[in-house]
N, C-alpha and C. Protein backbone atom coordinates (compact mmCIF):
# COMPACT_ATOMS: atom_id res chain seq x y z
N UNK A 1 7.60 -23.61 60.04
CA UNK A 1 7.28 -22.76 59.02
C UNK A 1 6.22 -23.37 58.08
N UNK A 2 5.55 -22.44 57.54
CA UNK A 2 4.22 -23.05 56.63
C UNK A 2 4.97 -23.53 55.32
N UNK A 3 4.04 -24.00 54.52
CA UNK A 3 4.42 -24.30 53.15
C UNK A 3 4.75 -22.98 52.32
N UNK A 4 5.67 -23.13 51.46
CA UNK A 4 6.04 -21.93 50.53
C UNK A 4 4.75 -21.57 49.72
N UNK A 5 4.01 -22.47 49.55
CA UNK A 5 2.78 -22.11 48.59
C UNK A 5 1.59 -21.60 49.48
N UNK A 6 1.76 -21.31 50.79
CA UNK A 6 0.85 -20.86 51.71
C UNK A 6 1.19 -19.31 51.83
N UNK A 7 2.41 -18.89 51.61
CA UNK A 7 2.89 -17.60 51.93
C UNK A 7 2.31 -16.37 50.90
N UNK A 8 2.20 -15.34 51.69
CA UNK A 8 1.84 -14.18 50.69
C UNK A 8 3.05 -13.61 49.90
N UNK A 9 2.83 -12.86 49.01
CA UNK A 9 3.90 -12.20 48.38
C UNK A 9 5.11 -11.35 49.26
N UNK A 10 4.48 -10.62 50.23
CA UNK A 10 5.40 -9.92 51.20
C UNK A 10 6.13 -10.97 52.12
N UNK A 11 5.47 -12.10 52.46
CA UNK A 11 5.92 -13.00 53.33
C UNK A 11 7.14 -13.67 52.51
N UNK A 12 6.85 -14.05 51.20
CA UNK A 12 7.83 -14.72 50.33
C UNK A 12 9.16 -13.77 50.13
N UNK A 13 9.03 -12.51 49.94
CA UNK A 13 10.13 -11.64 50.02
C UNK A 13 10.87 -11.59 51.26
N UNK A 14 10.24 -11.62 52.51
CA UNK A 14 10.79 -11.53 53.71
C UNK A 14 11.68 -12.84 53.88
N UNK A 15 11.10 -13.95 53.45
CA UNK A 15 11.72 -15.24 53.61
C UNK A 15 12.95 -15.46 52.82
N UNK A 16 12.65 -15.00 51.56
CA UNK A 16 13.70 -15.10 50.53
C UNK A 16 14.96 -14.26 50.93
N UNK A 17 14.62 -13.05 51.51
CA UNK A 17 15.65 -12.13 52.04
C UNK A 17 16.65 -12.71 53.19
N UNK A 18 15.71 -13.36 54.05
CA UNK A 18 16.35 -14.09 55.22
C UNK A 18 17.19 -15.35 54.83
N UNK A 19 16.79 -15.94 53.92
CA UNK A 19 17.39 -17.13 53.43
C UNK A 19 18.70 -16.81 52.68
N UNK A 20 18.74 -15.80 51.95
CA UNK A 20 19.87 -15.38 51.01
C UNK A 20 20.86 -14.27 51.66
N UNK A 21 20.38 -13.98 53.00
CA UNK A 21 21.22 -12.84 53.50
C UNK A 21 22.68 -13.34 53.89
N UNK A 22 22.87 -14.63 54.22
CA UNK A 22 24.22 -15.15 54.54
C UNK A 22 24.88 -15.61 53.37
N UNK A 23 24.06 -15.81 52.28
CA UNK A 23 24.86 -16.23 50.92
C UNK A 23 25.57 -14.93 50.32
N UNK A 24 25.07 -13.94 50.66
CA UNK A 24 25.76 -12.58 49.83
C UNK A 24 24.86 -12.28 48.66
N UNK A 25 23.59 -12.82 48.51
CA UNK A 25 22.69 -12.49 47.41
C UNK A 25 22.05 -11.16 47.84
N UNK A 26 21.79 -10.24 46.75
CA UNK A 26 21.30 -8.92 46.93
C UNK A 26 19.90 -9.18 47.26
N UNK A 27 19.32 -8.35 48.35
CA UNK A 27 17.87 -8.67 48.62
C UNK A 27 17.07 -8.02 47.69
N UNK A 28 15.84 -8.62 47.78
CA UNK A 28 14.75 -8.05 46.66
C UNK A 28 13.68 -7.38 47.45
N UNK A 29 12.96 -6.42 46.61
CA UNK A 29 12.02 -5.69 47.26
C UNK A 29 10.58 -6.46 46.91
N UNK A 30 10.45 -6.95 45.83
CA UNK A 30 9.31 -7.70 45.56
C UNK A 30 9.57 -8.65 44.32
N UNK A 31 8.76 -9.58 44.15
CA UNK A 31 8.77 -10.56 43.15
C UNK A 31 7.93 -10.06 42.02
N UNK A 32 8.20 -10.61 40.83
CA UNK A 32 7.34 -10.20 39.63
C UNK A 32 5.81 -10.79 39.83
N UNK A 33 5.73 -11.87 40.33
CA UNK A 33 4.37 -12.45 40.82
C UNK A 33 4.59 -13.57 41.68
N UNK A 34 3.53 -14.08 42.16
CA UNK A 34 3.67 -14.97 43.31
C UNK A 34 4.41 -16.27 43.02
N UNK A 35 4.14 -16.66 41.62
CA UNK A 35 4.83 -17.99 41.42
C UNK A 35 6.27 -17.92 41.34
N UNK A 36 6.76 -16.67 40.77
CA UNK A 36 8.19 -16.37 40.60
C UNK A 36 8.84 -16.53 42.01
N UNK A 37 8.20 -15.81 42.91
CA UNK A 37 8.67 -15.80 44.45
C UNK A 37 8.79 -17.12 44.88
N UNK A 38 7.73 -18.02 44.77
CA UNK A 38 7.66 -19.38 45.28
C UNK A 38 8.91 -20.14 44.65
N UNK A 39 9.06 -19.83 43.41
CA UNK A 39 10.08 -20.68 42.61
C UNK A 39 11.51 -20.19 43.09
N UNK A 40 11.72 -18.86 43.34
CA UNK A 40 13.03 -18.48 43.64
C UNK A 40 13.30 -18.92 45.21
N UNK A 41 12.18 -18.96 46.16
CA UNK A 41 12.57 -19.39 47.49
C UNK A 41 12.78 -20.83 47.40
N UNK A 42 12.04 -21.50 46.71
CA UNK A 42 12.21 -23.11 46.75
C UNK A 42 13.65 -23.38 46.20
N UNK A 43 14.11 -22.66 45.16
CA UNK A 43 15.56 -22.86 44.64
C UNK A 43 16.47 -22.69 45.55
N UNK A 44 16.42 -21.48 46.44
CA UNK A 44 17.34 -21.12 47.52
C UNK A 44 17.26 -22.11 48.62
N UNK A 45 16.19 -22.77 48.97
CA UNK A 45 16.13 -23.76 49.98
C UNK A 45 16.79 -25.01 49.46
N UNK A 46 16.37 -25.40 48.23
CA UNK A 46 16.91 -26.64 47.75
C UNK A 46 18.48 -26.42 47.49
N UNK A 47 19.06 -25.34 47.02
CA UNK A 47 20.52 -25.14 46.78
C UNK A 47 21.21 -25.48 48.05
N UNK A 48 20.66 -25.02 49.26
CA UNK A 48 21.31 -25.31 50.53
C UNK A 48 21.41 -26.78 50.85
N UNK A 49 20.51 -27.56 50.54
CA UNK A 49 20.50 -28.93 50.98
C UNK A 49 21.44 -29.76 50.01
N UNK A 50 21.41 -29.41 48.77
CA UNK A 50 22.16 -30.14 47.74
C UNK A 50 23.45 -29.52 47.52
N UNK A 51 23.81 -28.18 48.10
CA UNK A 51 24.97 -27.65 47.95
C UNK A 51 25.30 -27.28 46.56
N UNK A 52 24.31 -26.67 45.83
CA UNK A 52 24.43 -26.14 44.55
C UNK A 52 24.86 -24.73 44.75
N UNK A 53 25.48 -24.12 43.82
CA UNK A 53 25.85 -22.66 44.01
C UNK A 53 24.52 -21.92 44.01
N UNK A 54 24.73 -20.88 44.96
CA UNK A 54 23.31 -20.12 45.40
C UNK A 54 23.14 -19.24 44.14
N UNK A 55 21.88 -18.75 44.07
CA UNK A 55 21.39 -17.55 43.01
C UNK A 55 22.06 -16.43 43.40
N UNK A 56 22.70 -15.76 42.48
CA UNK A 56 23.41 -14.50 42.63
C UNK A 56 22.40 -13.18 42.92
N UNK A 57 21.52 -13.11 41.90
CA UNK A 57 20.49 -12.09 41.94
C UNK A 57 19.39 -12.54 40.95
N UNK A 58 18.34 -11.85 41.20
CA UNK A 58 17.12 -12.04 40.49
C UNK A 58 17.50 -11.90 38.98
N UNK A 59 17.07 -12.67 38.31
CA UNK A 59 17.38 -12.48 36.79
C UNK A 59 16.34 -11.79 36.20
N UNK A 60 16.82 -10.93 35.48
CA UNK A 60 15.80 -10.04 34.60
C UNK A 60 15.34 -10.86 33.53
N UNK A 61 14.01 -10.57 33.07
CA UNK A 61 13.47 -11.26 31.95
C UNK A 61 14.51 -11.43 30.72
N UNK A 62 14.74 -12.53 30.13
CA UNK A 62 15.67 -12.84 29.15
C UNK A 62 15.41 -12.05 27.88
N UNK A 63 16.41 -11.24 27.40
CA UNK A 63 16.31 -10.34 26.20
C UNK A 63 16.34 -11.26 25.00
N UNK A 64 15.26 -11.18 24.13
CA UNK A 64 15.35 -12.05 23.07
C UNK A 64 16.09 -11.22 22.05
N UNK A 65 17.12 -11.89 21.32
CA UNK A 65 17.80 -11.16 20.28
C UNK A 65 16.87 -10.96 18.95
N UNK A 66 16.92 -9.91 18.41
CA UNK A 66 16.00 -9.66 17.44
C UNK A 66 16.63 -10.30 16.25
N UNK A 67 15.82 -11.02 15.65
CA UNK A 67 16.36 -11.72 14.38
C UNK A 67 16.45 -10.63 13.21
N UNK A 68 17.36 -10.75 12.48
CA UNK A 68 17.61 -9.80 11.41
C UNK A 68 16.80 -10.40 10.14
N UNK A 69 15.82 -9.55 9.88
CA UNK A 69 15.12 -10.00 8.78
C UNK A 69 15.82 -10.04 7.32
N UNK A 70 15.69 -10.84 6.65
CA UNK A 70 16.38 -10.88 5.30
C UNK A 70 15.71 -9.95 4.43
N UNK A 71 16.35 -9.19 3.69
CA UNK A 71 15.76 -8.33 2.83
C UNK A 71 14.72 -8.96 1.85
N UNK A 72 13.59 -8.24 1.76
CA UNK A 72 12.43 -9.20 1.06
C UNK A 72 12.94 -9.30 -0.39
N UNK A 73 12.62 -10.55 -0.95
CA UNK A 73 13.08 -10.94 -2.23
C UNK A 73 11.91 -10.10 -3.33
N UNK A 74 12.44 -9.26 -4.19
CA UNK A 74 11.60 -8.63 -5.05
C UNK A 74 11.35 -9.61 -6.29
N UNK A 75 10.20 -10.04 -6.60
CA UNK A 75 9.79 -10.81 -7.64
C UNK A 75 9.98 -9.79 -8.80
N UNK A 76 10.65 -10.28 -9.92
CA UNK A 76 10.73 -9.46 -11.25
C UNK A 76 9.50 -9.56 -11.92
N UNK A 77 8.96 -8.34 -12.25
CA UNK A 77 7.67 -8.41 -12.95
C UNK A 77 7.95 -8.32 -14.36
N UNK A 78 7.01 -8.90 -15.12
CA UNK A 78 7.11 -9.06 -16.58
C UNK A 78 7.02 -7.56 -17.04
N UNK A 79 8.01 -7.34 -18.06
CA UNK A 79 8.17 -6.14 -18.56
C UNK A 79 6.99 -5.62 -19.39
N UNK A 80 6.35 -4.56 -19.23
CA UNK A 80 5.23 -4.12 -19.94
C UNK A 80 5.63 -3.66 -21.31
N UNK A 81 4.72 -4.03 -22.21
CA UNK A 81 5.25 -3.60 -23.66
C UNK A 81 5.06 -2.09 -23.80
N UNK A 82 6.15 -1.47 -24.21
CA UNK A 82 6.01 0.04 -24.47
C UNK A 82 5.40 0.34 -25.85
N UNK A 83 4.72 1.43 -25.78
CA UNK A 83 4.10 1.84 -27.00
C UNK A 83 5.08 2.83 -27.61
N UNK A 84 5.76 2.58 -28.66
CA UNK A 84 6.43 3.50 -29.42
C UNK A 84 5.61 4.69 -29.99
N UNK A 85 6.24 5.87 -29.80
CA UNK A 85 5.67 7.03 -30.50
C UNK A 85 5.77 6.98 -31.92
N UNK A 86 4.72 7.34 -32.68
CA UNK A 86 4.87 7.35 -34.30
C UNK A 86 4.49 6.18 -34.84
N UNK A 87 4.84 5.11 -34.31
CA UNK A 87 4.74 3.73 -34.89
C UNK A 87 3.16 3.46 -34.85
N UNK A 88 2.49 3.63 -33.70
CA UNK A 88 1.24 3.21 -33.62
C UNK A 88 0.30 4.45 -33.35
N UNK A 89 0.68 5.60 -33.70
CA UNK A 89 -0.04 6.71 -33.41
C UNK A 89 -0.37 7.48 -34.59
N UNK A 90 -1.23 8.38 -34.67
CA UNK A 90 -1.52 9.28 -35.71
C UNK A 90 -0.92 10.71 -35.45
N UNK A 91 -1.18 11.61 -36.30
CA UNK A 91 -0.31 12.96 -36.13
C UNK A 91 -0.87 13.57 -34.96
N UNK A 92 -1.93 13.31 -34.30
CA UNK A 92 -2.24 13.94 -32.89
C UNK A 92 -1.73 13.15 -31.84
N UNK A 93 -0.97 12.18 -31.78
CA UNK A 93 -0.48 11.50 -30.75
C UNK A 93 -1.31 10.46 -30.23
N UNK A 94 -2.49 10.06 -30.98
CA UNK A 94 -3.57 9.23 -30.53
C UNK A 94 -3.30 7.77 -31.19
N UNK A 95 -3.48 6.77 -30.25
CA UNK A 95 -3.37 5.46 -30.53
C UNK A 95 -4.32 5.09 -31.80
N UNK A 96 -3.63 4.20 -32.93
CA UNK A 96 -4.66 3.98 -33.90
C UNK A 96 -5.60 3.03 -33.55
N UNK A 97 -6.66 3.20 -34.08
CA UNK A 97 -8.00 2.35 -33.58
C UNK A 97 -8.67 2.74 -32.28
N UNK A 98 -8.27 3.73 -31.74
CA UNK A 98 -8.95 4.10 -30.59
C UNK A 98 -10.14 4.99 -30.98
N UNK A 99 -11.04 5.17 -29.98
CA UNK A 99 -12.25 6.01 -30.34
C UNK A 99 -11.80 7.34 -30.58
N UNK A 100 -10.76 8.12 -30.18
CA UNK A 100 -10.23 9.29 -30.56
C UNK A 100 -9.80 9.26 -32.04
N UNK A 101 -9.16 8.29 -32.35
CA UNK A 101 -8.52 8.23 -33.77
C UNK A 101 -9.78 8.02 -34.58
N UNK A 102 -10.79 7.29 -34.31
CA UNK A 102 -11.97 7.33 -35.12
C UNK A 102 -12.61 8.53 -35.36
N UNK A 103 -12.73 9.31 -34.20
CA UNK A 103 -13.31 10.54 -34.39
C UNK A 103 -12.44 11.65 -35.25
N UNK A 104 -11.14 11.61 -35.02
CA UNK A 104 -10.18 12.46 -35.82
C UNK A 104 -10.42 11.97 -37.19
N UNK A 105 -10.44 10.83 -37.63
CA UNK A 105 -10.47 10.22 -39.04
C UNK A 105 -11.75 10.91 -39.53
N UNK A 106 -12.84 11.06 -38.89
CA UNK A 106 -13.97 11.44 -39.41
C UNK A 106 -13.91 12.95 -39.70
N UNK A 107 -13.36 13.75 -38.70
CA UNK A 107 -13.20 15.19 -38.81
C UNK A 107 -12.26 15.54 -39.89
N UNK A 108 -11.16 14.74 -40.13
CA UNK A 108 -10.15 15.04 -41.02
C UNK A 108 -10.89 15.03 -42.45
N UNK A 109 -11.78 14.09 -42.61
CA UNK A 109 -12.50 13.96 -44.03
C UNK A 109 -13.19 15.17 -44.12
N UNK A 110 -13.83 15.89 -43.25
CA UNK A 110 -14.52 17.11 -43.29
C UNK A 110 -13.82 18.36 -42.71
N UNK A 111 -12.42 18.52 -43.11
CA UNK A 111 -11.69 19.68 -42.65
C UNK A 111 -12.45 20.92 -42.85
N UNK A 112 -12.66 21.81 -41.73
CA UNK A 112 -13.15 23.09 -41.78
C UNK A 112 -14.70 23.03 -41.95
N UNK A 113 -15.37 21.92 -42.06
CA UNK A 113 -16.67 21.91 -42.19
C UNK A 113 -17.27 21.18 -40.87
N UNK A 114 -18.59 21.74 -40.44
CA UNK A 114 -19.10 21.13 -39.33
C UNK A 114 -19.61 19.79 -39.70
N UNK A 115 -19.53 18.95 -38.60
CA UNK A 115 -19.99 17.46 -38.72
C UNK A 115 -21.04 17.09 -37.59
N UNK A 116 -22.20 16.71 -37.95
CA UNK A 116 -23.24 16.36 -36.92
C UNK A 116 -22.85 15.52 -35.92
N UNK A 117 -23.15 15.62 -34.78
CA UNK A 117 -22.63 14.60 -33.55
C UNK A 117 -23.17 13.36 -33.92
N UNK A 118 -24.45 13.18 -34.47
CA UNK A 118 -25.14 11.91 -34.80
C UNK A 118 -24.14 10.97 -35.64
N UNK A 119 -23.35 11.83 -36.53
CA UNK A 119 -22.63 11.08 -37.62
C UNK A 119 -21.22 10.81 -36.93
N UNK A 120 -20.82 11.41 -35.82
CA UNK A 120 -19.71 11.16 -35.06
C UNK A 120 -20.07 10.05 -34.10
N UNK A 121 -21.14 9.97 -33.66
CA UNK A 121 -21.58 8.80 -32.87
C UNK A 121 -21.53 7.43 -33.60
N UNK A 122 -22.08 7.63 -34.68
CA UNK A 122 -22.01 6.33 -35.64
C UNK A 122 -20.58 5.97 -36.11
N UNK A 123 -19.70 6.84 -36.39
CA UNK A 123 -18.38 6.65 -36.76
C UNK A 123 -17.61 6.16 -35.68
N UNK A 124 -17.79 6.50 -34.43
CA UNK A 124 -16.99 6.09 -33.34
C UNK A 124 -17.52 4.63 -32.74
N UNK A 125 -18.87 4.60 -32.56
CA UNK A 125 -19.49 3.37 -31.86
C UNK A 125 -20.25 2.52 -32.63
N UNK A 126 -20.50 3.05 -34.00
CA UNK A 126 -21.33 2.07 -34.88
C UNK A 126 -22.81 2.41 -34.66
N UNK A 127 -23.79 1.83 -35.35
CA UNK A 127 -24.98 2.32 -35.10
C UNK A 127 -25.61 1.73 -33.78
N UNK A 128 -26.57 2.56 -33.20
CA UNK A 128 -26.80 2.10 -31.73
C UNK A 128 -26.04 2.78 -30.66
N UNK A 129 -25.15 3.51 -31.10
CA UNK A 129 -24.26 4.25 -30.00
C UNK A 129 -25.09 5.41 -29.49
N UNK A 130 -24.59 6.01 -28.43
CA UNK A 130 -25.25 7.04 -27.80
C UNK A 130 -24.20 8.23 -27.56
N UNK A 131 -24.99 9.52 -27.21
CA UNK A 131 -24.09 10.64 -27.18
C UNK A 131 -23.22 10.80 -25.98
N UNK A 132 -23.85 10.28 -24.79
CA UNK A 132 -23.29 10.35 -23.49
C UNK A 132 -21.80 9.87 -23.59
N UNK A 133 -21.42 8.82 -23.82
CA UNK A 133 -19.95 8.33 -23.73
C UNK A 133 -19.01 9.07 -24.71
N UNK A 134 -19.60 9.62 -25.85
CA UNK A 134 -18.91 10.32 -26.88
C UNK A 134 -18.36 11.84 -26.18
N UNK A 135 -19.02 12.13 -25.26
CA UNK A 135 -18.58 13.63 -24.59
C UNK A 135 -17.12 13.38 -24.21
N UNK A 136 -16.84 12.37 -23.55
CA UNK A 136 -15.31 12.11 -23.19
C UNK A 136 -14.39 11.97 -24.17
N UNK A 137 -14.88 11.39 -25.40
CA UNK A 137 -13.97 11.21 -26.59
C UNK A 137 -13.66 12.65 -27.17
N UNK A 138 -14.71 13.45 -27.22
CA UNK A 138 -14.66 14.81 -27.75
C UNK A 138 -13.89 15.59 -26.97
N UNK A 139 -13.93 15.57 -25.58
CA UNK A 139 -13.03 16.31 -24.59
C UNK A 139 -11.69 15.94 -24.90
N UNK A 140 -11.32 14.55 -25.06
CA UNK A 140 -9.98 14.05 -25.44
C UNK A 140 -9.44 14.52 -26.59
N UNK A 141 -10.34 14.70 -27.65
CA UNK A 141 -9.86 15.26 -28.93
C UNK A 141 -9.45 16.84 -28.92
N UNK A 142 -10.33 17.47 -28.19
CA UNK A 142 -10.12 18.85 -27.92
C UNK A 142 -8.79 19.05 -27.21
N UNK A 143 -8.29 18.29 -26.33
CA UNK A 143 -7.11 18.32 -25.62
C UNK A 143 -5.84 18.03 -26.40
N UNK A 144 -6.11 16.87 -27.27
CA UNK A 144 -4.92 16.40 -28.09
C UNK A 144 -4.77 17.10 -29.45
N UNK A 145 -5.76 17.72 -29.95
CA UNK A 145 -5.77 18.27 -31.24
C UNK A 145 -4.63 19.32 -31.40
N UNK A 146 -4.30 20.12 -30.47
CA UNK A 146 -3.05 21.09 -30.57
C UNK A 146 -1.84 20.38 -30.96
N UNK A 147 -1.65 19.02 -30.39
CA UNK A 147 -0.45 18.29 -30.76
C UNK A 147 -0.12 18.23 -32.07
N UNK A 148 -1.34 18.19 -32.90
CA UNK A 148 -1.10 18.15 -34.52
C UNK A 148 -1.34 19.50 -35.23
N UNK A 149 -1.41 20.43 -34.41
CA UNK A 149 -1.55 21.87 -34.94
C UNK A 149 -2.95 22.21 -35.41
N UNK A 150 -3.81 21.72 -34.79
CA UNK A 150 -5.36 21.91 -34.97
C UNK A 150 -6.19 22.16 -33.77
N UNK A 151 -7.34 22.55 -34.13
CA UNK A 151 -8.39 22.75 -32.93
C UNK A 151 -9.56 22.17 -33.32
N UNK A 152 -10.42 21.50 -32.34
CA UNK A 152 -11.77 20.91 -32.50
C UNK A 152 -12.71 21.78 -31.86
N UNK A 153 -13.68 22.32 -32.46
CA UNK A 153 -14.76 23.35 -31.96
C UNK A 153 -16.01 22.62 -31.85
N UNK A 154 -16.70 22.85 -30.74
CA UNK A 154 -18.11 22.43 -30.57
C UNK A 154 -19.08 23.56 -30.91
N UNK A 155 -20.11 23.33 -31.52
CA UNK A 155 -21.23 24.37 -31.83
C UNK A 155 -22.45 23.63 -31.45
N UNK A 156 -23.38 24.41 -30.73
CA UNK A 156 -24.77 23.89 -30.32
C UNK A 156 -24.53 22.84 -29.12
N UNK A 157 -25.66 22.26 -28.79
CA UNK A 157 -25.92 21.45 -27.60
C UNK A 157 -26.66 20.30 -28.02
N UNK A 158 -26.44 19.02 -27.26
CA UNK A 158 -27.19 17.81 -27.34
C UNK A 158 -27.03 17.45 -28.73
N UNK A 159 -28.27 17.02 -29.50
CA UNK A 159 -28.41 16.33 -30.58
C UNK A 159 -27.94 17.32 -31.83
N UNK A 160 -28.18 18.41 -31.45
CA UNK A 160 -27.89 19.44 -32.54
C UNK A 160 -26.46 19.96 -32.53
N UNK A 161 -25.60 19.38 -31.78
CA UNK A 161 -24.20 19.71 -31.74
C UNK A 161 -23.50 19.47 -32.93
N UNK A 162 -22.41 20.32 -33.37
CA UNK A 162 -21.59 19.97 -34.64
C UNK A 162 -20.19 20.04 -33.99
N UNK A 163 -19.38 19.45 -34.79
CA UNK A 163 -17.90 19.41 -34.35
C UNK A 163 -17.33 19.87 -35.70
N UNK A 164 -16.10 20.74 -35.45
CA UNK A 164 -15.35 21.07 -36.57
C UNK A 164 -13.93 21.14 -36.24
N UNK A 165 -13.07 20.49 -37.30
CA UNK A 165 -11.64 20.40 -37.06
C UNK A 165 -11.00 21.46 -37.87
N UNK A 166 -10.16 22.38 -37.30
CA UNK A 166 -9.48 23.34 -37.94
C UNK A 166 -7.97 23.32 -37.89
N UNK A 167 -7.13 23.27 -38.74
CA UNK A 167 -5.88 23.52 -38.76
C UNK A 167 -5.44 24.96 -38.60
N UNK A 168 -4.39 24.97 -37.68
CA UNK A 168 -3.95 26.43 -37.39
C UNK A 168 -3.03 26.81 -38.38
N UNK A 169 -2.83 27.97 -38.86
CA UNK A 169 -1.85 28.51 -39.86
C UNK A 169 -0.65 28.60 -38.98
N UNK A 170 0.54 28.35 -39.63
CA UNK A 170 1.88 28.45 -38.87
C UNK A 170 2.47 29.70 -39.30
């Protein structure tokens, strides 16, 4: 007989089945790969010489037990400071010191009278401010004014725009 390492895969299966036929081991159709076949046939041949217990059947790939993952440890986040309503807010529900608050303060000084947008830019941003960023502040004031029972109206466009704060009659 040739060396085990010279046999093809089908020859290994044939030799393995012949060697294990009298031992009562279930015959195989094929091996996972060539090295597995060589190792199994070598083990059968060696077990006869040393009188070791014969291999019963081809072992399936060992099933690895899944490790149970421990529940992820949640890190406690620092509590965010909550802003209490009424304490730091004006009548419109706007935080004191914010740009909306500055604009509302200006408009409250001139209730019912139009205020030039240039004056509003100076009140909110100081000298050197521009009209572009003020548009978002004006929009915010229009949305929050009803919380205080008022409305903010815009008249005109661009540099000629005026803002008016009007309280609604109850």
